[in-house]
């Protein structure tokens, strides 16, 4: 599912469908927004959700800064090492979440 659209329901004649990896951030956010909660509780859930993902971003980029090859052209657009893949599995993120992690980390740096 990408942005709330089930790909299996999309029928375009003559066009190859691209299979997207799930974006865990968007999926989790949409599940929170579907909850039937009072506004105060929904706001609290969203704050907790944002802090959890900010923490994931901080941990991921701290890990990258400790990788020796980070200064030799390593990009953060994909998981390139087994250690990165293991960290991503531990943090419950995937490659489609990397732009969101970059955004959250940049936003945190801009605030400081």
PDB file of N, CA and C in Angstrom:
ATOM      1  N   UNK A   1       0.854  -1.168   0.000  1.00  0.00           N
ATOM      2  CA  UNK A   1       0.000   0.000   0.000  1.00  0.00           C
ATOM      3  C   UNK A   1       0.901   1.233   0.000  1.00  0.00           C
ATOM      4  N   UNK A   2       0.642   2.160  -0.873  1.00  0.00           N
ATOM      5  CA  UNK A   2       1.411   3.394  -0.967  1.00  0.00           C
ATOM      6  C   UNK A   2       0.444   4.557  -0.907  1.00  0.00           C
ATOM      7  N   UNK A   3       0.539   5.364   0.114  1.00  0.00           N
ATOM      8  CA  UNK A   3      -0.320   6.530   0.318  1.00  0.00           C
ATOM      9  C   UNK A   3      -1.796   6.154   0.305  1.00  0.00           C
ATOM     10  N   UNK A   4      -2.114   5.055   0.943  1.00  0.00           N
ATOM     11  CA  UNK A   4      -3.498   4.649   1.098  1.00  0.00           C
ATOM     12  C   UNK A   4      -4.118   3.994  -0.115  1.00  0.00           C
ATOM     13  N   UNK A   5      -3.328   3.691  -1.128  1.00  0.00           N
ATOM     14  CA  UNK A   5      -3.863   3.084  -2.348  1.00  0.00           C
ATOM     15  C   UNK A   5      -3.381   1.643  -2.416  1.00  0.00           C
ATOM     16  N   UNK A   6      -4.303   0.726  -2.477  1.00  0.00           N
ATOM     17  CA  UNK A   6      -3.955  -0.678  -2.650  1.00  0.00           C
ATOM     18  C   UNK A   6      -3.515  -0.882  -4.089  1.00  0.00           C
ATOM     19  N   UNK A   7      -2.271  -1.306  -4.263  1.00  0.00           N
ATOM     20  CA  UNK A   7      -1.757  -1.473  -5.618  1.00  0.00           C
ATOM     21  C   UNK A   7      -2.465  -2.569  -6.391  1.00  0.00           C
ATOM     22  N   UNK A   8      -2.955  -3.580  -5.691  1.00  0.00           N
ATOM     23  CA  UNK A   8      -3.634  -4.667  -6.393  1.00  0.00           C
ATOM     24  C   UNK A   8      -4.936  -4.191  -7.029  1.00  0.00           C
ATOM     25  N   UNK A   9      -5.455  -3.055  -6.579  1.00  0.00           N
ATOM     26  CA  UNK A   9      -6.689  -2.519  -7.143  1.00  0.00           C
ATOM     27  C   UNK A   9      -6.445  -1.597  -8.333  1.00  0.00           C
ATOM     28  N   UNK A  10      -5.193  -1.293  -8.627  1.00  0.00           N
ATOM     29  CA  UNK A  10      -4.879  -0.377  -9.723  1.00  0.00           C
ATOM     30  C   UNK A  10      -4.702  -1.188 -11.003  1.00  0.00           C
ATOM     31  N   UNK A  11      -5.512  -0.908 -11.974  1.00  0.00           N
ATOM     32  CA  UNK A  11      -5.415  -1.585 -13.260  1.00  0.00           C
ATOM     33  C   UNK A  11      -5.157  -0.541 -14.338  1.00  0.00           C
ATOM     34  N   UNK A  12      -3.942  -0.540 -14.865  1.00  0.00           N
ATOM     35  CA  UNK A  12      -3.585   0.375 -15.938  1.00  0.00           C
ATOM     36  C   UNK A  12      -3.128  -0.480 -17.109  1.00  0.00           C
ATOM     37  N   UNK A  13      -3.829  -0.376 -18.208  1.00  0.00           N
ATOM     38  CA  UNK A  13      -3.541  -1.203 -19.374  1.00  0.00           C
ATOM     39  C   UNK A  13      -2.258  -0.716 -20.039  1.00  0.00           C
ATOM     40  N   UNK A  14      -1.340  -1.641 -20.312  1.00  0.00           N
ATOM     41  CA  UNK A  14      -0.123  -1.316 -21.034  1.00  0.00           C
ATOM     42  C   UNK A  14       0.965  -0.680 -20.185  1.00  0.00           C
ATOM     43  N   UNK A  15       0.773  -0.575 -18.891  1.00  0.00           N
ATOM     44  CA  UNK A  15       1.779   0.039 -18.027  1.00  0.00           C
ATOM     45  C   UNK A  15       2.218  -0.990 -16.998  1.00  0.00           C
ATOM     46  N   UNK A  16       3.532  -1.131 -16.867  1.00  0.00           N
ATOM     47  CA  UNK A  16       4.048  -2.047 -15.853  1.00  0.00           C
ATOM     48  C   UNK A  16       3.841  -1.441 -14.475  1.00  0.00           C
ATOM     49  N   UNK A  17       3.282  -2.227 -13.585  1.00  0.00           N
ATOM     50  CA  UNK A  17       3.100  -1.748 -12.215  1.00  0.00           C
ATOM     51  C   UNK A  17       4.405  -1.913 -11.451  1.00  0.00           C
ATOM     52  N   UNK A  18       4.746  -0.898 -10.680  1.00  0.00           N
ATOM     53  CA  UNK A  18       5.912  -0.964  -9.824  1.00  0.00           C
ATOM     54  C   UNK A  18       5.470  -1.458  -8.459  1.00  0.00           C
ATOM     55  N   UNK A  19       6.190  -2.405  -7.924  1.00  0.00           N
ATOM     56  CA  UNK A  19       5.882  -2.887  -6.589  1.00  0.00           C
ATOM     57  C   UNK A  19       6.677  -2.063  -5.594  1.00  0.00           C
ATOM     58  N   UNK A  20       5.979  -1.411  -4.692  1.00  0.00           N
ATOM     59  CA  UNK A  20       6.626  -0.572  -3.702  1.00  0.00           C
ATOM     60  C   UNK A  20       6.834  -1.356  -2.421  1.00  0.00           C
ATOM     61  N   UNK A  21       7.949  -1.088  -1.773  1.00  0.00           N
ATOM     62  CA  UNK A  21       8.131  -1.603  -0.420  1.00  0.00           C
ATOM     63  C   UNK A  21       7.253  -0.781   0.494  1.00  0.00           C
ATOM     64  N   UNK A  22       6.811  -1.354   1.563  1.00  0.00           N
ATOM     65  CA  UNK A  22       5.950  -0.584   2.458  1.00  0.00           C
ATOM     66  C   UNK A  22       6.711   0.565   3.105  1.00  0.00           C
ATOM     67  N   UNK A  23       6.007   1.626   3.338  1.00  0.00           N
ATOM     68  CA  UNK A  23       6.561   2.753   4.067  1.00  0.00           C
ATOM     69  C   UNK A  23       5.977   2.648   5.468  1.00  0.00           C
ATOM     70  N   UNK A  24       6.768   2.175   6.397  1.00  0.00           N
ATOM     71  CA  UNK A  24       6.267   1.877   7.737  1.00  0.00           C
ATOM     72  C   UNK A  24       5.778   3.123   8.461  1.00  0.00           C
ATOM     73  N   UNK A  25       6.449   4.236   8.231  1.00  0.00           N
ATOM     74  CA  UNK A  25       6.047   5.490   8.879  1.00  0.00           C
ATOM     75  C   UNK A  25       4.621   5.862   8.479  1.00  0.00           C
ATOM     76  N   UNK A  26       4.358   5.859   7.179  1.00  0.00           N
ATOM     77  CA  UNK A  26       3.032   6.224   6.670  1.00  0.00           C
ATOM     78  C   UNK A  26       1.987   5.214   7.142  1.00  0.00           C
ATOM     79  N   UNK A  27       2.321   3.931   7.100  1.00  0.00           N
ATOM     80  CA  UNK A  27       1.376   2.904   7.547  1.00  0.00           C
ATOM     81  C   UNK A  27       1.015   3.075   9.019  1.00  0.00           C
ATOM     82  N   UNK A  28       2.019   3.317   9.854  1.00  0.00           N
ATOM     83  CA  UNK A  28       1.754   3.488  11.283  1.00  0.00           C
ATOM     84  C   UNK A  28       0.969   4.765  11.552  1.00  0.00           C
ATOM     85  N   UNK A  29       1.315   5.831  10.854  1.00  0.00           N
ATOM     86  CA  UNK A  29       0.594   7.094  11.025  1.00  0.00           C
ATOM     87  C   UNK A  29      -0.865   6.943  10.613  1.00  0.00           C
ATOM     88  N   UNK A  30      -1.109   6.270   9.504  1.00  0.00           N
ATOM     89  CA  UNK A  30      -2.497   6.097   9.056  1.00  0.00           C
ATOM     90  C   UNK A  30      -3.297   5.251  10.046  1.00  0.00           C
ATOM     91  N   UNK A  31      -2.655   4.261  10.666  1.00  0.00           N
ATOM     92  CA  UNK A  31      -3.347   3.452  11.677  1.00  0.00           C
ATOM     93  C   UNK A  31      -3.722   4.292  12.896  1.00  0.00           C
ATOM     94  N   UNK A  32      -2.848   5.196  13.303  1.00  0.00           N
ATOM     95  CA  UNK A  32      -3.163   6.081  14.433  1.00  0.00           C
ATOM     96  C   UNK A  32      -4.335   6.984  14.080  1.00  0.00           C
ATOM     97  N   UNK A  33      -4.318   7.523  12.873  1.00  0.00           N
ATOM     98  CA  UNK A  33      -5.379   8.444  12.464  1.00  0.00           C
ATOM     99  C   UNK A  33      -6.729   7.750  12.316  1.00  0.00           C
ATOM    100  N   UNK A  34      -6.720   6.440  12.112  1.00  0.00           N
ATOM    101  CA  UNK A  34      -7.972   5.684  11.995  1.00  0.00           C
ATOM    102  C   UNK A  34      -8.599   5.373  13.352  1.00  0.00           C
ATOM    103  N   UNK A  35      -7.833   5.547  14.428  1.00  0.00           N
ATOM    104  CA  UNK A  35      -8.351   5.234  15.762  1.00  0.00           C
ATOM    105  C   UNK A  35      -9.491   6.174  16.126  1.00  0.00           C
ATOM    106  N   UNK A  36     -10.479   5.634  16.785  1.00  0.00           N
ATOM    107  CA  UNK A  36     -11.620   6.435  17.228  1.00  0.00           C
ATOM    108  C   UNK A  36     -11.337   6.926  18.650  1.00  0.00           C
ATOM    109  N   UNK A  37     -10.522   7.991  18.733  1.00  0.00           N
ATOM    110  CA  UNK A  37     -10.106   8.528  20.022  1.00  0.00           C
ATOM    111  C   UNK A  37     -10.547   9.973  20.165  1.00  0.00           C
ATOM    112  N   UNK A  38     -10.743  10.425  21.400  1.00  0.00           N
ATOM    113  CA  UNK A  38     -10.977  11.859  21.606  1.00  0.00           C
ATOM    114  C   UNK A  38      -9.747  12.647  21.145  1.00  0.00           C
ATOM    115  N   UNK A  39      -9.949  13.890  20.808  1.00  0.00           N
ATOM    116  CA  UNK A  39      -8.887  14.721  20.239  1.00  0.00           C
ATOM    117  C   UNK A  39      -7.656  14.766  21.140  1.00  0.00           C
ATOM    118  N   UNK A  40      -7.851  14.890  22.442  1.00  0.00           N
ATOM    119  CA  UNK A  40      -6.718  14.974  23.365  1.00  0.00           C
ATOM    120  C   UNK A  40      -5.856  13.711  23.309  1.00  0.00           C
ATOM    121  N   UNK A  41      -6.509  12.558  23.287  1.00  0.00           N
ATOM    122  CA  UNK A  41      -5.768  11.296  23.212  1.00  0.00           C
ATOM    123  C   UNK A  41      -5.105  11.108  21.852  1.00  0.00           C
ATOM    124  N   UNK A  42      -5.782  11.523  20.806  1.00  0.00           N
ATOM    125  CA  UNK A  42      -5.197  11.436  19.472  1.00  0.00           C
ATOM    126  C   UNK A  42      -3.947  12.305  19.385  1.00  0.00           C
ATOM    127  N   UNK A  43      -4.024  13.519  19.913  1.00  0.00           N
ATOM    128  CA  UNK A  43      -2.851  14.400  19.926  1.00  0.00           C
ATOM    129  C   UNK A  43      -1.701  13.768  20.701  1.00  0.00           C
ATOM    130  N   UNK A  44      -2.016  13.148  21.836  1.00  0.00           N
ATOM    131  CA  UNK A  44      -0.991  12.493  22.642  1.00  0.00           C
ATOM    132  C   UNK A  44      -0.360  11.339  21.864  1.00  0.00           C
ATOM    133  N   UNK A  45      -1.181  10.553  21.184  1.00  0.00           N
ATOM    134  CA  UNK A  45      -0.672   9.444  20.365  1.00  0.00           C
ATOM    135  C   UNK A  45       0.262   9.961  19.272  1.00  0.00           C
ATOM    136  N   UNK A  46      -0.116  11.067  18.642  1.00  0.00           N
ATOM    137  CA  UNK A  46       0.708  11.633  17.569  1.00  0.00           C
ATOM    138  C   UNK A  46       2.039  12.156  18.103  1.00  0.00           C
ATOM    139  N   UNK A  47       2.034  12.764  19.277  1.00  0.00           N
ATOM    140  CA  UNK A  47       3.281  13.246  19.883  1.00  0.00           C
ATOM    141  C   UNK A  47       4.195  12.069  20.206  1.00  0.00           C
ATOM    142  N   UNK A  48       3.635  11.022  20.779  1.00  0.00           N
ATOM    143  CA  UNK A  48       4.422   9.825  21.096  1.00  0.00           C
ATOM    144  C   UNK A  48       4.984   9.207  19.824  1.00  0.00           C
ATOM    145  N   UNK A  49       4.156   9.113  18.797  1.00  0.00           N
ATOM    146  CA  UNK A  49       4.579   8.564  17.502  1.00  0.00           C
ATOM    147  C   UNK A  49       5.745   9.371  16.928  1.00  0.00           C
ATOM    148  N   UNK A  50       5.623  10.691  16.949  1.00  0.00           N
ATOM    149  CA  UNK A  50       6.676  11.565  16.412  1.00  0.00           C
ATOM    150  C   UNK A  50       7.973  11.390  17.198  1.00  0.00           C
ATOM    151  N   UNK A  51       7.879  11.314  18.508  1.00  0.00           N
ATOM    152  CA  UNK A  51       9.074  11.136  19.335  1.00  0.00           C
ATOM    153  C   UNK A  51       9.735   9.785  19.084  1.00  0.00           C
ATOM    154  N   UNK A  52       8.934   8.746  18.876  1.00  0.00           N
ATOM    155  CA  UNK A  52       9.492   7.426  18.582  1.00  0.00           C
ATOM    156  C   UNK A  52      10.283   7.464  17.282  1.00  0.00           C
ATOM    157  N   UNK A  53       9.725   8.099  16.264  1.00  0.00           N
ATOM    158  CA  UNK A  53      10.410   8.154  14.981  1.00  0.00           C
ATOM    159  C   UNK A  53      11.603   9.103  15.020  1.00  0.00           C
ATOM    160  N   UNK A  54      11.533  10.162  15.798  1.00  0.00           N
ATOM    161  CA  UNK A  54      12.695  11.045  15.972  1.00  0.00           C
ATOM    162  C   UNK A  54      13.828  10.285  16.651  1.00  0.00           C
ATOM    163  N   UNK A  55      13.478   9.450  17.606  1.00  0.00           N
ATOM    164  CA  UNK A  55      14.475   8.627  18.286  1.00  0.00           C
ATOM    165  C   UNK A  55      15.108   7.628  17.321  1.00  0.00           C
ATOM    166  N   UNK A  56      14.287   7.027  16.457  1.00  0.00           N
ATOM    167  CA  UNK A  56      14.819   6.109  15.445  1.00  0.00           C
ATOM    168  C   UNK A  56      15.800   6.837  14.534  1.00  0.00           C
ATOM    169  N   UNK A  57      15.449   8.046  14.122  1.00  0.00           N
ATOM    170  CA  UNK A  57      16.327   8.830  13.251  1.00  0.00           C
ATOM    171  C   UNK A  57      17.645   9.121  13.956  1.00  0.00           C
ATOM    172  N   UNK A  58      17.573   9.530  15.200  1.00  0.00           N
ATOM    173  CA  UNK A  58      18.778   9.843  15.967  1.00  0.00           C
ATOM    174  C   UNK A  58      19.679   8.618  16.082  1.00  0.00           C
ATOM    175  N   UNK A  59      19.107   7.476  16.416  1.00  0.00           N
ATOM    176  CA  UNK A  59      19.890   6.247  16.546  1.00  0.00           C
ATOM    177  C   UNK A  59      20.511   5.840  15.216  1.00  0.00           C
ATOM    178  N   UNK A  60      19.747   5.948  14.145  1.00  0.00           N
ATOM    179  CA  UNK A  60      20.245   5.546  12.834  1.00  0.00           C
ATOM    180  C   UNK A  60      21.412   6.426  12.397  1.00  0.00           C
ATOM    181  N   UNK A  61      21.275   7.742  12.550  1.00  0.00           N
ATOM    182  CA  UNK A  61      22.337   8.634  12.092  1.00  0.00           C
ATOM    183  C   UNK A  61      23.544   8.614  13.021  1.00  0.00           C
ATOM    184  N   UNK A  62      23.340   8.332  14.293  1.00  0.00           N
ATOM    185  CA  UNK A  62      24.474   8.146  15.198  1.00  0.00           C
ATOM    186  C   UNK A  62      25.255   6.913  14.763  1.00  0.00           C
ATOM    187  N   UNK A  63      24.547   5.863  14.395  1.00  0.00           N
ATOM    188  CA  UNK A  63      25.186   4.650  13.900  1.00  0.00           C
ATOM    189  C   UNK A  63      25.981   4.949  12.634  1.00  0.00           C
ATOM    190  N   UNK A  64      25.385   5.686  11.701  1.00  0.00           N
ATOM    191  CA  UNK A  64      26.080   5.994  10.451  1.00  0.00           C
ATOM    192  C   UNK A  64      27.331   6.820  10.685  1.00  0.00           C
ATOM    193  N   UNK A  65      27.280   7.727  11.652  1.00  0.00           N
ATOM    194  CA  UNK A  65      28.450   8.568  11.902  1.00  0.00           C
ATOM    195  C   UNK A  65      29.609   7.750  12.457  1.00  0.00           C
ATOM    196  N   UNK A  66      29.327   6.569  13.002  1.00  0.00           N
ATOM    197  CA  UNK A  66      30.375   5.700  13.528  1.00  0.00           C
ATOM    198  C   UNK A  66      30.929   4.731  12.493  1.00  0.00           C
ATOM    199  N   UNK A  67      30.322   4.681  11.333  1.00  0.00           N
ATOM    200  CA  UNK A  67      30.814   3.790  10.281  1.00  0.00           C
ATOM    201  C   UNK A  67      32.036   4.430   9.631  1.00  0.00           C
ATOM    202  N   UNK A  68      33.092   3.663   9.511  1.00  0.00           N
ATOM    203  CA  UNK A  68      34.347   4.191   8.978  1.00  0.00           C
ATOM    204  C   UNK A  68      34.204   4.741   7.569  1.00  0.00           C
ATOM    205  N   UNK A  69      33.470   4.062   6.713  1.00  0.00           N
ATOM    206  CA  UNK A  69      33.374   4.494   5.320  1.00  0.00           C
ATOM    207  C   UNK A  69      32.364   5.614   5.123  1.00  0.00           C
ATOM    208  N   UNK A  70      31.800   6.151   6.191  1.00  0.00           N
ATOM    209  CA  UNK A  70      30.821   7.228   6.055  1.00  0.00           C
ATOM    210  C   UNK A  70      31.432   8.442   5.369  1.00  0.00           C
ATOM    211  N   UNK A  71      32.708   8.704   5.630  1.00  0.00           N
ATOM    212  CA  UNK A  71      33.368   9.862   5.029  1.00  0.00           C
ATOM    213  C   UNK A  71      33.883   9.585   3.627  1.00  0.00           C
ATOM    214  N   UNK A  72      33.795   8.358   3.188  1.00  0.00           N
ATOM    215  CA  UNK A  72      34.322   8.031   1.865  1.00  0.00           C
ATOM    216  C   UNK A  72      33.209   7.776   0.859  1.00  0.00           C
ATOM    217  N   UNK A  73      32.209   8.637   0.853  1.00  0.00           N
ATOM    218  CA  UNK A  73      31.180   8.564  -0.167  1.00  0.00           C
ATOM    219  C   UNK A  73      29.978   7.722   0.176  1.00  0.00           C
ATOM    220  N   UNK A  74      29.856   7.282   1.407  1.00  0.00           N
ATOM    221  CA  UNK A  74      28.689   6.488   1.803  1.00  0.00           C
ATOM    222  C   UNK A  74      27.442   7.363   1.744  1.00  0.00           C
ATOM    223  N   UNK A  75      26.399   6.858   1.102  1.00  0.00           N
ATOM    224  CA  UNK A  75      25.151   7.618   1.037  1.00  0.00           C
ATOM    225  C   UNK A  75      24.129   6.987   1.956  1.00  0.00           C
ATOM    226  N   UNK A  76      23.110   7.756   2.306  1.00  0.00           N
ATOM    227  CA  UNK A  76      22.073   7.223   3.185  1.00  0.00           C
ATOM    228  C   UNK A  76      20.772   7.041   2.422  1.00  0.00           C
ATOM    229  N   UNK A  77      20.885   6.696   1.162  1.00  0.00           N
ATOM    230  CA  UNK A  77      19.698   6.453   0.349  1.00  0.00           C
ATOM    231  C   UNK A  77      19.300   4.985   0.335  1.00  0.00           C
ATOM    232  N   UNK A  78      20.162   4.147   0.841  1.00  0.00           N
ATOM    233  CA  UNK A  78      19.845   2.721   0.903  1.00  0.00           C
ATOM    234  C   UNK A  78      20.706   2.083   1.984  1.00  0.00           C
ATOM    235  N   UNK A  79      20.338   0.888   2.370  1.00  0.00           N
ATOM    236  CA  UNK A  79      21.118   0.146   3.343  1.00  0.00           C
ATOM    237  C   UNK A  79      22.223  -0.577   2.587  1.00  0.00           C
ATOM    238  N   UNK A  80      23.470  -0.232   2.867  1.00  0.00           N
ATOM    239  CA  UNK A  80      24.563  -0.791   2.085  1.00  0.00           C
ATOM    240  C   UNK A  80      25.326  -1.895   2.802  1.00  0.00           C
ATOM    241  N   UNK A  81      25.264  -1.953   4.103  1.00  0.00           N
ATOM    242  CA  UNK A  81      26.015  -2.984   4.813  1.00  0.00           C
ATOM    243  C   UNK A  81      25.061  -3.883   5.597  1.00  0.00           C
ATOM    244  N   UNK A  82      25.587  -5.037   5.967  1.00  0.00           N
ATOM    245  CA  UNK A  82      24.786  -5.957   6.780  1.00  0.00           C
ATOM    246  C   UNK A  82      24.463  -5.344   8.139  1.00  0.00           C
ATOM    247  N   UNK A  83      25.409  -4.552   8.676  1.00  0.00           N
ATOM    248  CA  UNK A  83      25.171  -3.901   9.967  1.00  0.00           C
ATOM    249  C   UNK A  83      24.016  -2.906   9.866  1.00  0.00           C
ATOM    250  N   UNK A  84      23.969  -2.159   8.751  1.00  0.00           N
ATOM    251  CA  UNK A  84      22.862  -1.218   8.552  1.00  0.00           C
ATOM    252  C   UNK A  84      21.536  -1.960   8.436  1.00  0.00           C
ATOM    253  N   UNK A  85      21.545  -3.055   7.708  1.00  0.00           N
ATOM    254  CA  UNK A  85      20.318  -3.842   7.541  1.00  0.00           C
ATOM    255  C   UNK A  85      19.849  -4.401   8.884  1.00  0.00           C
ATOM    256  N   UNK A  86      20.797  -4.841   9.706  1.00  0.00           N
ATOM    257  CA  UNK A  86      20.447  -5.368  11.027  1.00  0.00           C
ATOM    258  C   UNK A  86      19.891  -4.261  11.924  1.00  0.00           C
ATOM    259  N   UNK A  87      20.502  -3.076  11.877  1.00  0.00           N
ATOM    260  CA  UNK A  87      19.996  -1.945  12.654  1.00  0.00           C
ATOM    261  C   UNK A  87      18.595  -1.563  12.186  1.00  0.00           C
ATOM    262  N   UNK A  88      18.394  -1.522  10.876  1.00  0.00           N
ATOM    263  CA  UNK A  88      17.075  -1.184  10.329  1.00  0.00           C
ATOM    264  C   UNK A  88      16.027  -2.188  10.803  1.00  0.00           C
ATOM    265  N   UNK A  89      16.395  -3.450  10.836  1.00  0.00           N
ATOM    266  CA  UNK A  89      15.467  -4.478  11.315  1.00  0.00           C
ATOM    267  C   UNK A  89      15.157  -4.257  12.796  1.00  0.00           C
ATOM    268  N   UNK A  90      16.180  -3.929  13.574  1.00  0.00           N
ATOM    269  CA  UNK A  90      15.997  -3.676  15.004  1.00  0.00           C
ATOM    270  C   UNK A  90      15.113  -2.462  15.244  1.00  0.00           C
ATOM    271  N   UNK A  91      15.320  -1.393  14.446  1.00  0.00           N
ATOM    272  CA  UNK A  91      14.537  -0.165  14.605  1.00  0.00           C
ATOM    273  C   UNK A  91      13.169  -0.254  13.935  1.00  0.00           C
ATOM    274  N   UNK A  92      12.940  -1.326  13.171  1.00  0.00           N
ATOM    275  CA  UNK A  92      11.692  -1.510  12.427  1.00  0.00           C
ATOM    276  C   UNK A  92      11.485  -0.389  11.401  1.00  0.00           C
ATOM    277  N   UNK A  93      12.499  -0.235  10.547  1.00  0.00           N
ATOM    278  CA  UNK A  93      12.423   0.728   9.445  1.00  0.00           C
ATOM    279  C   UNK A  93      12.818   0.007   8.168  1.00  0.00           C
ATOM    280  N   UNK A  94      12.506   0.620   7.030  1.00  0.00           N
ATOM    281  CA  UNK A  94      12.982   0.077   5.765  1.00  0.00           C
ATOM    282  C   UNK A  94      13.494   1.225   4.900  1.00  0.00           C
ATOM    283  N   UNK A  95      13.975   0.907   3.705  1.00  0.00           N
ATOM    284  CA  UNK A  95      14.599   1.933   2.864  1.00  0.00           C
ATOM    285  C   UNK A  95      13.642   3.057   2.494  1.00  0.00           C
ATOM    286  N   UNK A  96      12.363   2.764   2.371  1.00  0.00           N
ATOM    287  CA  UNK A  96      11.410   3.829   2.050  1.00  0.00           C
ATOM    288  C   UNK A  96      11.228   4.813   3.196  1.00  0.00           C
ATOM    289  N   UNK A  97      11.654   4.443   4.393  1.00  0.00           N
ATOM    290  CA  UNK A  97      11.565   5.344   5.536  1.00  0.00           C
ATOM    291  C   UNK A  97      12.770   6.280   5.641  1.00  0.00           C
ATOM    292  N   UNK A  98      13.824   6.044   4.870  1.00  0.00           N
ATOM    293  CA  UNK A  98      15.026   6.867   4.974  1.00  0.00           C
ATOM    294  C   UNK A  98      14.774   8.352   4.715  1.00  0.00           C
ATOM    295  N   UNK A  99      13.994   8.732   3.698  1.00  0.00           N
ATOM    296  CA  UNK A  99      13.735  10.174   3.529  1.00  0.00           C
ATOM    297  C   UNK A  99      13.045  10.794   4.746  1.00  0.00           C
ATOM    298  N   UNK A 100      12.175  10.044   5.389  1.00  0.00           N
ATOM    299  CA  UNK A 100      11.495  10.553   6.584  1.00  0.00           C
ATOM    300  C   UNK A 100      12.494  10.699   7.721  1.00  0.00           C
ATOM    301  N   UNK A 101      13.388   9.719   7.878  1.00  0.00           N
ATOM    302  CA  UNK A 101      14.410   9.815   8.912  1.00  0.00           C
ATOM    303  C   UNK A 101      15.314  11.015   8.670  1.00  0.00           C
ATOM    304  N   UNK A 102      15.688  11.239   7.397  1.00  0.00           N
ATOM    305  CA  UNK A 102      16.515  12.412   7.069  1.00  0.00           C
ATOM    306  C   UNK A 102      15.794  13.697   7.443  1.00  0.00           C
ATOM    307  N   UNK A 103      14.516  13.772   7.115  1.00  0.00           N
ATOM    308  CA  UNK A 103      13.725  14.959   7.426  1.00  0.00           C
ATOM    309  C   UNK A 103      13.653  15.189   8.934  1.00  0.00           C
ATOM    310  N   UNK A 104      13.356  14.146   9.698  1.00  0.00           N
ATOM    311  CA  UNK A 104      13.253  14.280  11.150  1.00  0.00           C
ATOM    312  C   UNK A 104      14.582  14.694  11.769  1.00  0.00           C
ATOM    313  N   UNK A 105      15.683  14.145  11.256  1.00  0.00           N
ATOM    314  CA  UNK A 105      17.000  14.499  11.785  1.00  0.00           C
ATOM    315  C   UNK A 105      17.344  15.943  11.444  1.00  0.00           C
ATOM    316  N   UNK A 106      17.062  16.374  10.215  1.00  0.00           N
ATOM    317  CA  UNK A 106      17.348  17.751   9.805  1.00  0.00           C
ATOM    318  C   UNK A 106      16.511  18.723  10.623  1.00  0.00           C
ATOM    319  N   UNK A 107      15.256  18.391  10.844  1.00  0.00           N
ATOM    320  CA  UNK A 107      14.371  19.251  11.623  1.00  0.00           C
ATOM    321  C   UNK A 107      14.895  19.402  13.045  1.00  0.00           C
ATOM    322  N   UNK A 108      15.410  18.315  13.612  1.00  0.00           N
ATOM    323  CA  UNK A 108      15.955  18.348  14.966  1.00  0.00           C
ATOM    324  C   UNK A 108      17.217  19.218  15.005  1.00  0.00           C
ATOM    325  N   UNK A 109      18.071  19.124  13.992  1.00  0.00           N
ATOM    326  CA  UNK A 109      19.289  19.931  13.921  1.00  0.00           C
ATOM    327  C   UNK A 109      18.932  21.401  13.765  1.00  0.00           C
ATOM    328  N   UNK A 110      17.937  21.701  12.931  1.00  0.00           N
ATOM    329  CA  UNK A 110      17.525  23.089  12.708  1.00  0.00           C
ATOM    330  C   UNK A 110      16.992  23.737  13.978  1.00  0.00           C
ATOM    331  N   UNK A 111      16.361  22.943  14.855  1.00  0.00           N
ATOM    332  CA  UNK A 111      15.822  23.488  16.108  1.00  0.00           C
ATOM    333  C   UNK A 111      16.927  23.863  17.075  1.00  0.00           C
ATOM    334  N   UNK A 112      18.076  23.185  17.001  1.00  0.00           N
ATOM    335  CA  UNK A 112      19.180  23.438  17.947  1.00  0.00           C
ATOM    336  C   UNK A 112      20.011  24.575  17.527  1.00  0.00           C
TER     337      UNK A 112
END
